[in-house]
Amino acid sequence: MLDYDDEARHYDATRGGEPRARAAADAVERLLPQGPCVVLDIACGTGIVTERLPRPERTVVGVDRSPGMLGLAARRLPGGVVRGDATALPFASRAVDAVVIVWLLHLLPDPTPVLTEAARVLRPGGVLITTVDKNDAYFVEDSDIAQVTADLRRAYAPRVPDRSAWVLDRAAELGLRVAGRTVFPGTGQGRSPRRWREAIDAGHISWCTHAPQDRVAEVRRRLAALPGQDTARPDPQYRLVALKS
């Protein structure tokens, strides 16, 4: 896992910046309860999404374990951040009306402790909102790249911890049921065929690192043959699910 203290200064710029944060916050807003409530944003990072969530009737608190990230978040949400681990939240049971977890579960070897803690701090009737299926975001919309890579992805994509089916099963065990879903775009993050080949060469594509090299070479050849080598394809579409206690 990344050293988020070191990453803090450059994190937003390399993760879609303000446009992606705005899209994420708008999507979270669609799933949040209306009216007076307390919202906990777990792994709030730099606070670039968190700062967009407060309302006059809504209290928002961001929690993160990285001092570097929290230093930036505190500037965006003065008095509204606290240091803490997602597996041992510094909050009482049944203390909040909503928990938000954006882009965390896919990083964890086992998200169960985080989901368990989120369920613990939720009041009855509260809602947990989390991203799922992050690795599939680039292929929600069909494209020539999606078609070229489909067989390799199906055969060699690793089983990731934020698979929606797995998350929903764990949520059900914790007494949480699906209450809503939405998507939001990774604005400006669509990749061209050339950028996909560069990502594969850099070892950043998990279903290529697990596949036989002759299969990977064939996909690279087909990507190189696509028209518009520097034309970005559709932006990724990130998925959010709301789970109600």
C-alpha atoms as a PDB file:
ATOM      1  CA  MET A   1       0.000   0.000   0.000  1.00  0.00           C
ATOM      2  CA  LEU A   2       1.124   3.559  -0.679  1.00  0.00           C
ATOM      3  CA  ASP A   3       2.737   5.741   1.965  1.00  0.00           C
ATOM      4  CA  TYR A   4      -0.069   8.289   2.132  1.00  0.00           C
ATOM      5  CA  ASP A   5       1.987  10.768   4.144  1.00  0.00           C
ATOM      6  CA  ASP A   6       4.414  10.960   1.219  1.00  0.00           C
ATOM      7  CA  GLU A   7       1.588  10.967  -1.332  1.00  0.00           C
ATOM      8  CA  ALA A   8      -0.466  13.688   0.334  1.00  0.00           C
ATOM      9  CA  ARG A   9       0.959  16.709  -1.504  1.00  0.00           C
ATOM     10  CA  HIS A  10       0.431  15.196  -4.945  1.00  0.00           C
ATOM     11  CA  TYR A  11      -2.547  12.949  -4.236  1.00  0.00           C
ATOM     12  CA  ASP A  12      -5.371  15.114  -5.547  1.00  0.00           C
ATOM     13  CA  ALA A  13      -3.604  16.068  -8.775  1.00  0.00           C
ATOM     14  CA  THR A  14      -2.953  12.419  -9.633  1.00  0.00           C
ATOM     15  CA  ARG A  15      -6.489  11.254  -8.788  1.00  0.00           C
ATOM     16  CA  GLY A  16      -8.656  13.451 -10.991  1.00  0.00           C
ATOM     17  CA  GLY A  17      -8.460  16.595  -8.856  1.00  0.00           C
ATOM     18  CA  GLU A  18     -11.445  18.870  -8.337  1.00  0.00           C
ATOM     19  CA  PRO A  19     -13.604  17.523 -11.209  1.00  0.00           C
ATOM     20  CA  ARG A  20     -13.583  13.942  -9.916  1.00  0.00           C
ATOM     21  CA  ALA A  21     -14.059  15.103  -6.325  1.00  0.00           C
ATOM     22  CA  ARG A  22     -17.038  17.228  -7.331  1.00  0.00           C
ATOM     23  CA  ALA A  23     -18.604  14.314  -9.192  1.00  0.00           C
ATOM     24  CA  ALA A  24     -18.010  11.982  -6.239  1.00  0.00           C
ATOM     25  CA  ALA A  25     -19.522  14.432  -3.748  1.00  0.00           C
ATOM     26  CA  ASP A  26     -22.578  14.977  -5.946  1.00  0.00           C
ATOM     27  CA  ALA A  27     -23.115  11.220  -6.128  1.00  0.00           C
ATOM     28  CA  VAL A  28     -22.703  10.785  -2.368  1.00  0.00           C
ATOM     29  CA  GLU A  29     -25.176  13.623  -1.850  1.00  0.00           C
ATOM     30  CA  ARG A  30     -27.804  11.714  -3.823  1.00  0.00           C
ATOM     31  CA  LEU A  31     -27.598   8.851  -1.320  1.00  0.00           C
ATOM     32  CA  LEU A  32     -27.211  10.744   1.957  1.00  0.00           C
ATOM     33  CA  PRO A  33     -30.173  11.167   4.313  1.00  0.00           C
ATOM     34  CA  GLN A  34     -31.839  14.563   4.145  1.00  0.00           C
ATOM     35  CA  GLY A  35     -32.390  16.826   7.119  1.00  0.00           C
ATOM     36  CA  PRO A  36     -30.342  17.093  10.324  1.00  0.00           C
ATOM     37  CA  CYS A  37     -27.749  14.337  10.556  1.00  0.00           C
ATOM     38  CA  VAL A  38     -24.161  13.453  11.442  1.00  0.00           C
ATOM     39  CA  VAL A  39     -21.980  12.049   8.648  1.00  0.00           C
ATOM     40  CA  LEU A  40     -18.670  10.266   9.129  1.00  0.00           C
ATOM     41  CA  ASP A  41     -16.308  10.132   6.137  1.00  0.00           C
ATOM     42  CA  ILE A  42     -13.905   7.222   6.688  1.00  0.00           C
ATOM     43  CA  ALA A  43     -10.483   7.499   5.019  1.00  0.00           C
ATOM     44  CA  CYS A  44     -11.276  11.087   4.087  1.00  0.00           C
ATOM     45  CA  GLY A  45      -7.743  11.640   2.756  1.00  0.00           C
ATOM     46  CA  THR A  46      -7.107  15.256   1.811  1.00  0.00           C
ATOM     47  CA  GLY A  47     -10.750  16.135   2.402  1.00  0.00           C
ATOM     48  CA  ILE A  48     -11.314  17.072  -1.227  1.00  0.00           C
ATOM     49  CA  VAL A  49     -14.634  15.194  -1.262  1.00  0.00           C
ATOM     50  CA  THR A  50     -15.464  15.690   2.417  1.00  0.00           C
ATOM     51  CA  GLU A  51     -15.420  19.480   2.236  1.00  0.00           C
ATOM     52  CA  ARG A  52     -18.326  19.405  -0.223  1.00  0.00           C
ATOM     53  CA  LEU A  53     -20.672  17.489   2.080  1.00  0.00           C
ATOM     54  CA  PRO A  54     -21.459  19.840   5.022  1.00  0.00           C
ATOM     55  CA  ARG A  55     -24.819  21.646   5.081  1.00  0.00           C
ATOM     56  CA  PRO A  56     -26.332  23.978   7.689  1.00  0.00           C
ATOM     57  CA  GLU A  57     -28.300  21.039   9.123  1.00  0.00           C
ATOM     58  CA  ARG A  58     -25.586  18.416   8.553  1.00  0.00           C
ATOM     59  CA  THR A  59     -22.438  17.815  10.613  1.00  0.00           C
ATOM     60  CA  VAL A  60     -19.608  16.111   8.729  1.00  0.00           C
ATOM     61  CA  VAL A  61     -16.517  14.588  10.349  1.00  0.00           C
ATOM     62  CA  GLY A  62     -13.590  13.176   8.389  1.00  0.00           C
ATOM     63  CA  VAL A  63     -11.349  10.467   9.823  1.00  0.00           C
ATOM     64  CA  ASP A  64      -8.041   9.209   8.453  1.00  0.00           C
ATOM     65  CA  ARG A  65      -4.957   7.566   9.915  1.00  0.00           C
ATOM     66  CA  SER A  66      -2.439   9.515   7.804  1.00  0.00           C
ATOM     67  CA  PRO A  67      -1.174  12.728   9.434  1.00  0.00           C
ATOM     68  CA  GLY A  68      -0.082  14.000   6.034  1.00  0.00           C
ATOM     69  CA  MET A  69      -3.543  13.581   4.584  1.00  0.00           C
ATOM     70  CA  LEU A  70      -5.245  15.015   7.661  1.00  0.00           C
ATOM     71  CA  GLY A  71      -3.046  18.110   7.554  1.00  0.00           C
ATOM     72  CA  LEU A  72      -4.551  18.956   4.181  1.00  0.00           C
ATOM     73  CA  ALA A  73      -8.067  17.881   5.173  1.00  0.00           C
ATOM     74  CA  ALA A  74      -7.961  20.149   8.243  1.00  0.00           C
ATOM     75  CA  ARG A  75      -7.486  23.175   5.988  1.00  0.00           C
ATOM     76  CA  ARG A  76     -10.588  22.249   4.052  1.00  0.00           C
ATOM     77  CA  LEU A  77     -12.712  21.261   7.046  1.00  0.00           C
ATOM     78  CA  PRO A  78     -11.414  23.213  10.089  1.00  0.00           C
ATOM     79  CA  GLY A  79     -12.312  21.438  13.303  1.00  0.00           C
ATOM     80  CA  GLY A  80     -13.986  18.664  11.371  1.00  0.00           C
ATOM     81  CA  VAL A  81     -11.299  15.977  11.099  1.00  0.00           C
ATOM     82  CA  VAL A  82      -9.896  13.440  13.521  1.00  0.00           C
ATOM     83  CA  ARG A  83      -7.097  10.923  13.314  1.00  0.00           C
ATOM     84  CA  GLY A  84      -8.221   7.335  13.568  1.00  0.00           C
ATOM     85  CA  ASP A  85      -8.061   3.859  12.085  1.00  0.00           C
ATOM     86  CA  ALA A  86     -11.005   2.601  10.053  1.00  0.00           C
ATOM     87  CA  THR A  87     -10.845  -0.728  11.902  1.00  0.00           C
ATOM     88  CA  ALA A  88     -11.078   0.917  15.345  1.00  0.00           C
ATOM     89  CA  LEU A  89     -13.024   4.136  14.942  1.00  0.00           C
ATOM     90  CA  PRO A  90     -12.788   6.684  17.772  1.00  0.00           C
ATOM     91  CA  PHE A  91     -16.580   7.010  17.939  1.00  0.00           C
ATOM     92  CA  ALA A  92     -19.256   5.528  20.157  1.00  0.00           C
ATOM     93  CA  SER A  93     -21.617   2.876  18.876  1.00  0.00           C
ATOM     94  CA  ARG A  94     -24.745   4.220  17.167  1.00  0.00           C
ATOM     95  CA  ALA A  95     -23.237   7.705  17.028  1.00  0.00           C
ATOM     96  CA  VAL A  96     -23.751   8.752  13.392  1.00  0.00           C
ATOM     97  CA  ASP A  97     -26.515   8.793  10.804  1.00  0.00           C
ATOM     98  CA  ALA A  98     -24.341   8.058   7.783  1.00  0.00           C
ATOM     99  CA  VAL A  99     -20.912   6.636   7.005  1.00  0.00           C
ATOM    100  CA  VAL A 100     -19.160   7.381   3.715  1.00  0.00           C
ATOM    101  CA  ILE A 101     -16.295   5.207   2.414  1.00  0.00           C
ATOM    102  CA  VAL A 102     -14.928   6.334  -0.958  1.00  0.00           C
ATOM    103  CA  TRP A 103     -12.031   4.457  -2.604  1.00  0.00           C
ATOM    104  CA  LEU A 104     -10.913   2.444   0.417  1.00  0.00           C
ATOM    105  CA  LEU A 105     -12.280  -1.107   0.284  1.00  0.00           C
ATOM    106  CA  HIS A 106     -10.383  -2.002  -2.897  1.00  0.00           C
ATOM    107  CA  LEU A 107      -7.085  -1.300  -1.089  1.00  0.00           C
ATOM    108  CA  LEU A 108      -7.671  -3.685   1.810  1.00  0.00           C
ATOM    109  CA  PRO A 109      -6.731  -7.354   2.077  1.00  0.00           C
ATOM    110  CA  ASP A 110     -10.004  -7.892   3.943  1.00  0.00           C
ATOM    111  CA  PRO A 111     -12.593  -5.096   4.282  1.00  0.00           C
ATOM    112  CA  THR A 112     -14.627  -7.010   6.889  1.00  0.00           C
ATOM    113  CA  PRO A 113     -13.224  -5.131   9.936  1.00  0.00           C
ATOM    114  CA  VAL A 114     -13.914  -1.768   8.280  1.00  0.00           C
ATOM    115  CA  LEU A 115     -17.463  -2.717   7.348  1.00  0.00           C
ATOM    116  CA  THR A 116     -18.022  -4.068  10.861  1.00  0.00           C
ATOM    117  CA  GLU A 117     -16.847  -0.792  12.409  1.00  0.00           C
ATOM    118  CA  ALA A 118     -18.990   1.238  10.028  1.00  0.00           C
ATOM    119  CA  ALA A 119     -22.043  -0.809  11.015  1.00  0.00           C
ATOM    120  CA  ARG A 120     -21.182  -0.393  14.708  1.00  0.00           C
ATOM    121  CA  VAL A 121     -21.173   3.416  14.652  1.00  0.00           C
ATOM    122  CA  LEU A 122     -24.372   3.682  12.579  1.00  0.00           C
ATOM    123  CA  ARG A 123     -27.607   4.526  14.314  1.00  0.00           C
ATOM    124  CA  PRO A 124     -30.641   2.351  13.525  1.00  0.00           C
ATOM    125  CA  GLY A 125     -31.902   3.443  10.134  1.00  0.00           C
ATOM    126  CA  GLY A 126     -28.520   4.934   9.253  1.00  0.00           C
ATOM    127  CA  VAL A 127     -26.877   4.490   5.871  1.00  0.00           C
ATOM    128  CA  LEU A 128     -23.434   3.278   4.791  1.00  0.00           C
ATOM    129  CA  ILE A 129     -22.349   4.618   1.388  1.00  0.00           C
ATOM    130  CA  THR A 130     -19.332   3.006  -0.262  1.00  0.00           C
ATOM    131  CA  THR A 131     -17.645   2.649  -3.630  1.00  0.00           C
ATOM    132  CA  VAL A 132     -17.534  -0.859  -5.105  1.00  0.00           C
ATOM    133  CA  ASP A 133     -16.086  -2.541  -8.206  1.00  0.00           C
ATOM    134  CA  LYS A 134     -13.424   0.132  -8.728  1.00  0.00           C
ATOM    135  CA  ASN A 135     -11.412  -1.980 -11.197  1.00  0.00           C
ATOM    136  CA  ASP A 136     -14.442  -2.306 -13.486  1.00  0.00           C
ATOM    137  CA  ALA A 137     -14.995   1.454 -13.756  1.00  0.00           C
ATOM    138  CA  TYR A 138     -13.234   1.820 -17.116  1.00  0.00           C
ATOM    139  CA  PHE A 139     -15.466  -0.807 -18.687  1.00  0.00           C
ATOM    140  CA  VAL A 140     -18.934   0.230 -17.508  1.00  0.00           C
ATOM    141  CA  GLU A 141     -19.364   1.948 -20.878  1.00  0.00           C
ATOM    142  CA  ASP A 142     -18.614  -0.121 -23.961  1.00  0.00           C
ATOM    143  CA  SER A 143     -15.666   0.875 -26.137  1.00  0.00           C
ATOM    144  CA  ASP A 144     -13.203  -0.680 -28.554  1.00  0.00           C
ATOM    145  CA  ILE A 145     -10.729  -0.961 -25.660  1.00  0.00           C
ATOM    146  CA  ALA A 146     -13.310  -2.770 -23.545  1.00  0.00           C
ATOM    147  CA  GLN A 147     -13.850  -5.237 -26.386  1.00  0.00           C
ATOM    148  CA  VAL A 148     -10.129  -5.818 -27.017  1.00  0.00           C
ATOM    149  CA  THR A 149      -9.426  -6.492 -23.340  1.00  0.00           C
ATOM    150  CA  ALA A 150     -12.613  -8.381 -22.427  1.00  0.00           C
ATOM    151  CA  ASP A 151     -11.296 -11.956 -22.699  1.00  0.00           C
ATOM    152  CA  LEU A 152      -8.140 -11.229 -20.722  1.00  0.00           C
ATOM    153  CA  ARG A 153     -10.081  -9.436 -18.011  1.00  0.00           C
ATOM    154  CA  ARG A 154     -12.591 -12.235 -17.659  1.00  0.00           C
ATOM    155  CA  ALA A 155      -9.888 -14.890 -17.450  1.00  0.00           C
ATOM    156  CA  TYR A 156      -7.266 -13.183 -15.298  1.00  0.00           C
ATOM    157  CA  ALA A 157      -8.789 -10.352 -13.269  1.00  0.00           C
ATOM    158  CA  PRO A 158      -7.958 -11.093  -9.613  1.00  0.00           C
ATOM    159  CA  ARG A 159     -10.712 -11.388  -7.045  1.00  0.00           C
ATOM    160  CA  VAL A 160     -10.712  -7.910  -5.539  1.00  0.00           C
ATOM    161  CA  PRO A 161     -11.941  -7.014  -2.042  1.00  0.00           C
ATOM    162  CA  ASP A 162     -14.484  -4.410  -3.206  1.00  0.00           C
ATOM    163  CA  ARG A 163     -16.493  -6.761  -5.465  1.00  0.00           C
ATOM    164  CA  SER A 164     -20.089  -5.651  -5.049  1.00  0.00           C
ATOM    165  CA  ALA A 165     -21.386  -9.210  -4.576  1.00  0.00           C
ATOM    166  CA  TRP A 166     -18.895  -9.826  -1.771  1.00  0.00           C
ATOM    167  CA  VAL A 167     -19.544  -6.450  -0.118  1.00  0.00           C
ATOM    168  CA  LEU A 168     -23.311  -6.986  -0.210  1.00  0.00           C
ATOM    169  CA  ASP A 169     -22.954 -10.445   1.346  1.00  0.00           C
ATOM    170  CA  ARG A 170     -20.858  -9.053   4.210  1.00  0.00           C
ATOM    171  CA  ALA A 171     -23.268  -6.143   4.621  1.00  0.00           C
ATOM    172  CA  ALA A 172     -26.217  -8.523   4.911  1.00  0.00           C
ATOM    173  CA  GLU A 173     -24.409 -10.409   7.673  1.00  0.00           C
ATOM    174  CA  LEU A 174     -24.093  -7.077   9.494  1.00  0.00           C
ATOM    175  CA  GLY A 175     -27.787  -6.290   9.125  1.00  0.00           C
ATOM    176  CA  LEU A 176     -27.376  -3.846   6.243  1.00  0.00           C
ATOM    177  CA  ARG A 177     -29.582  -3.953   3.136  1.00  0.00           C
ATOM    178  CA  VAL A 178     -29.277  -2.190  -0.200  1.00  0.00           C
ATOM    179  CA  ALA A 179     -31.105   1.159  -0.160  1.00  0.00           C
ATOM    180  CA  GLY A 180     -29.773   2.796  -3.314  1.00  0.00           C
ATOM    181  CA  ARG A 181     -27.135   2.897  -6.022  1.00  0.00           C
ATOM    182  CA  THR A 182     -25.602   5.509  -8.279  1.00  0.00           C
ATOM    183  CA  VAL A 183     -22.561   6.140 -10.472  1.00  0.00           C
ATOM    184  CA  PHE A 184     -20.278   9.091 -11.087  1.00  0.00           C
ATOM    185  CA  PRO A 185     -17.662   9.817 -13.746  1.00  0.00           C
ATOM    186  CA  GLY A 186     -13.919  10.023 -13.309  1.00  0.00           C
ATOM    187  CA  THR A 187     -13.966  13.259 -15.273  1.00  0.00           C
ATOM    188  CA  GLY A 188     -11.035  13.541 -17.667  1.00  0.00           C
ATOM    189  CA  GLN A 189      -9.646  10.125 -16.717  1.00  0.00           C
ATOM    190  CA  GLY A 190     -10.553   8.225 -19.874  1.00  0.00           C
ATOM    191  CA  ARG A 191      -7.501   6.521 -21.381  1.00  0.00           C
ATOM    192  CA  SER A 192      -6.382   6.329 -24.990  1.00  0.00           C
ATOM    193  CA  PRO A 193      -5.066   3.072 -26.505  1.00  0.00           C
ATOM    194  CA  ARG A 194      -1.524   4.390 -26.115  1.00  0.00           C
ATOM    195  CA  ARG A 195      -2.060   5.157 -22.430  1.00  0.00           C
ATOM    196  CA  TRP A 196      -3.483   1.691 -21.862  1.00  0.00           C
ATOM    197  CA  ARG A 197      -0.374   0.136 -23.398  1.00  0.00           C
ATOM    198  CA  GLU A 198       1.821   2.341 -21.229  1.00  0.00           C
ATOM    199  CA  ALA A 199      -0.109   1.279 -18.117  1.00  0.00           C
ATOM    200  CA  ILE A 200       0.278  -2.379 -19.078  1.00  0.00           C
ATOM    201  CA  ASP A 201       4.022  -1.935 -19.668  1.00  0.00           C
ATOM    202  CA  ALA A 202       4.384  -0.235 -16.280  1.00  0.00           C
ATOM    203  CA  GLY A 203       2.766  -3.216 -14.543  1.00  0.00           C
ATOM    204  CA  HIS A 204      -0.255  -1.222 -13.366  1.00  0.00           C
ATOM    205  CA  ILE A 205      -2.945  -3.492 -14.833  1.00  0.00           C
ATOM    206  CA  SER A 206      -3.630  -6.437 -12.557  1.00  0.00           C
ATOM    207  CA  TRP A 207      -5.251  -8.717 -15.126  1.00  0.00           C
ATOM    208  CA  CYS A 208      -2.132  -8.370 -17.287  1.00  0.00           C
ATOM    209  CA  THR A 209       0.318  -9.132 -14.491  1.00  0.00           C
ATOM    210  CA  HIS A 210      -1.577 -12.386 -13.851  1.00  0.00           C
ATOM    211  CA  ALA A 211      -1.904 -13.432 -17.508  1.00  0.00           C
ATOM    212  CA  PRO A 212       0.542 -15.384 -19.731  1.00  0.00           C
ATOM    213  CA  GLN A 213       2.847 -12.979 -21.534  1.00  0.00           C
ATOM    214  CA  ASP A 214       1.852 -14.197 -24.979  1.00  0.00           C
ATOM    215  CA  ARG A 215      -1.775 -13.308 -24.218  1.00  0.00           C
ATOM    216  CA  VAL A 216      -0.701  -9.884 -22.943  1.00  0.00           C
ATOM    217  CA  ALA A 217       1.413  -9.310 -26.051  1.00  0.00           C
ATOM    218  CA  GLU A 218      -1.586 -10.086 -28.245  1.00  0.00           C
ATOM    219  CA  VAL A 219      -3.745  -7.565 -26.399  1.00  0.00           C
ATOM    220  CA  ARG A 220      -0.998  -4.947 -26.689  1.00  0.00           C
ATOM    221  CA  ARG A 221      -0.814  -5.621 -30.447  1.00  0.00           C
ATOM    222  CA  ARG A 222      -4.564  -5.198 -30.811  1.00  0.00           C
ATOM    223  CA  LEU A 223      -4.509  -1.996 -28.747  1.00  0.00           C
ATOM    224  CA  ALA A 224      -1.727  -0.624 -30.968  1.00  0.00           C
ATOM    225  CA  ALA A 225      -3.857  -1.330 -34.036  1.00  0.00           C
ATOM    226  CA  LEU A 226      -6.860   0.675 -32.818  1.00  0.00           C
ATOM    227  CA  PRO A 227      -7.609   4.025 -34.457  1.00  0.00           C
ATOM    228  CA  GLY A 228      -7.105   7.244 -32.485  1.00  0.00           C
ATOM    229  CA  GLN A 229      -4.084   6.117 -30.517  1.00  0.00           C
ATOM    230  CA  ASP A 230      -4.092   9.345 -28.494  1.00  0.00           C
ATOM    231  CA  THR A 231      -7.856   9.785 -28.274  1.00  0.00           C
ATOM    232  CA  ALA A 232      -9.248   9.165 -24.798  1.00  0.00           C
ATOM    233  CA  ARG A 233     -12.101   6.681 -24.567  1.00  0.00           C
ATOM    234  CA  PRO A 234     -15.065   7.115 -22.143  1.00  0.00           C
ATOM    235  CA  ASP A 235     -14.304   8.285 -18.632  1.00  0.00           C
ATOM    236  CA  PRO A 236     -14.484   5.570 -15.969  1.00  0.00           C
ATOM    237  CA  GLN A 237     -17.827   5.291 -14.189  1.00  0.00           C
ATOM    238  CA  TYR A 238     -17.438   4.645 -10.471  1.00  0.00           C
ATOM    239  CA  ARG A 239     -20.161   2.829  -8.572  1.00  0.00           C
ATOM    240  CA  LEU A 240     -21.633   3.771  -5.201  1.00  0.00           C
ATOM    241  CA  VAL A 241     -23.991   1.642  -3.158  1.00  0.00           C
ATOM    242  CA  ALA A 242     -26.016   2.737  -0.136  1.00  0.00           C
ATOM    243  CA  LEU A 243     -26.636   0.158   2.608  1.00  0.00           C
ATOM    244  CA  LYS A 244     -29.221   0.866   5.289  1.00  0.00           C
ATOM    245  CA  SER A 245     -29.168  -0.465   8.816  1.00  0.00           C
END
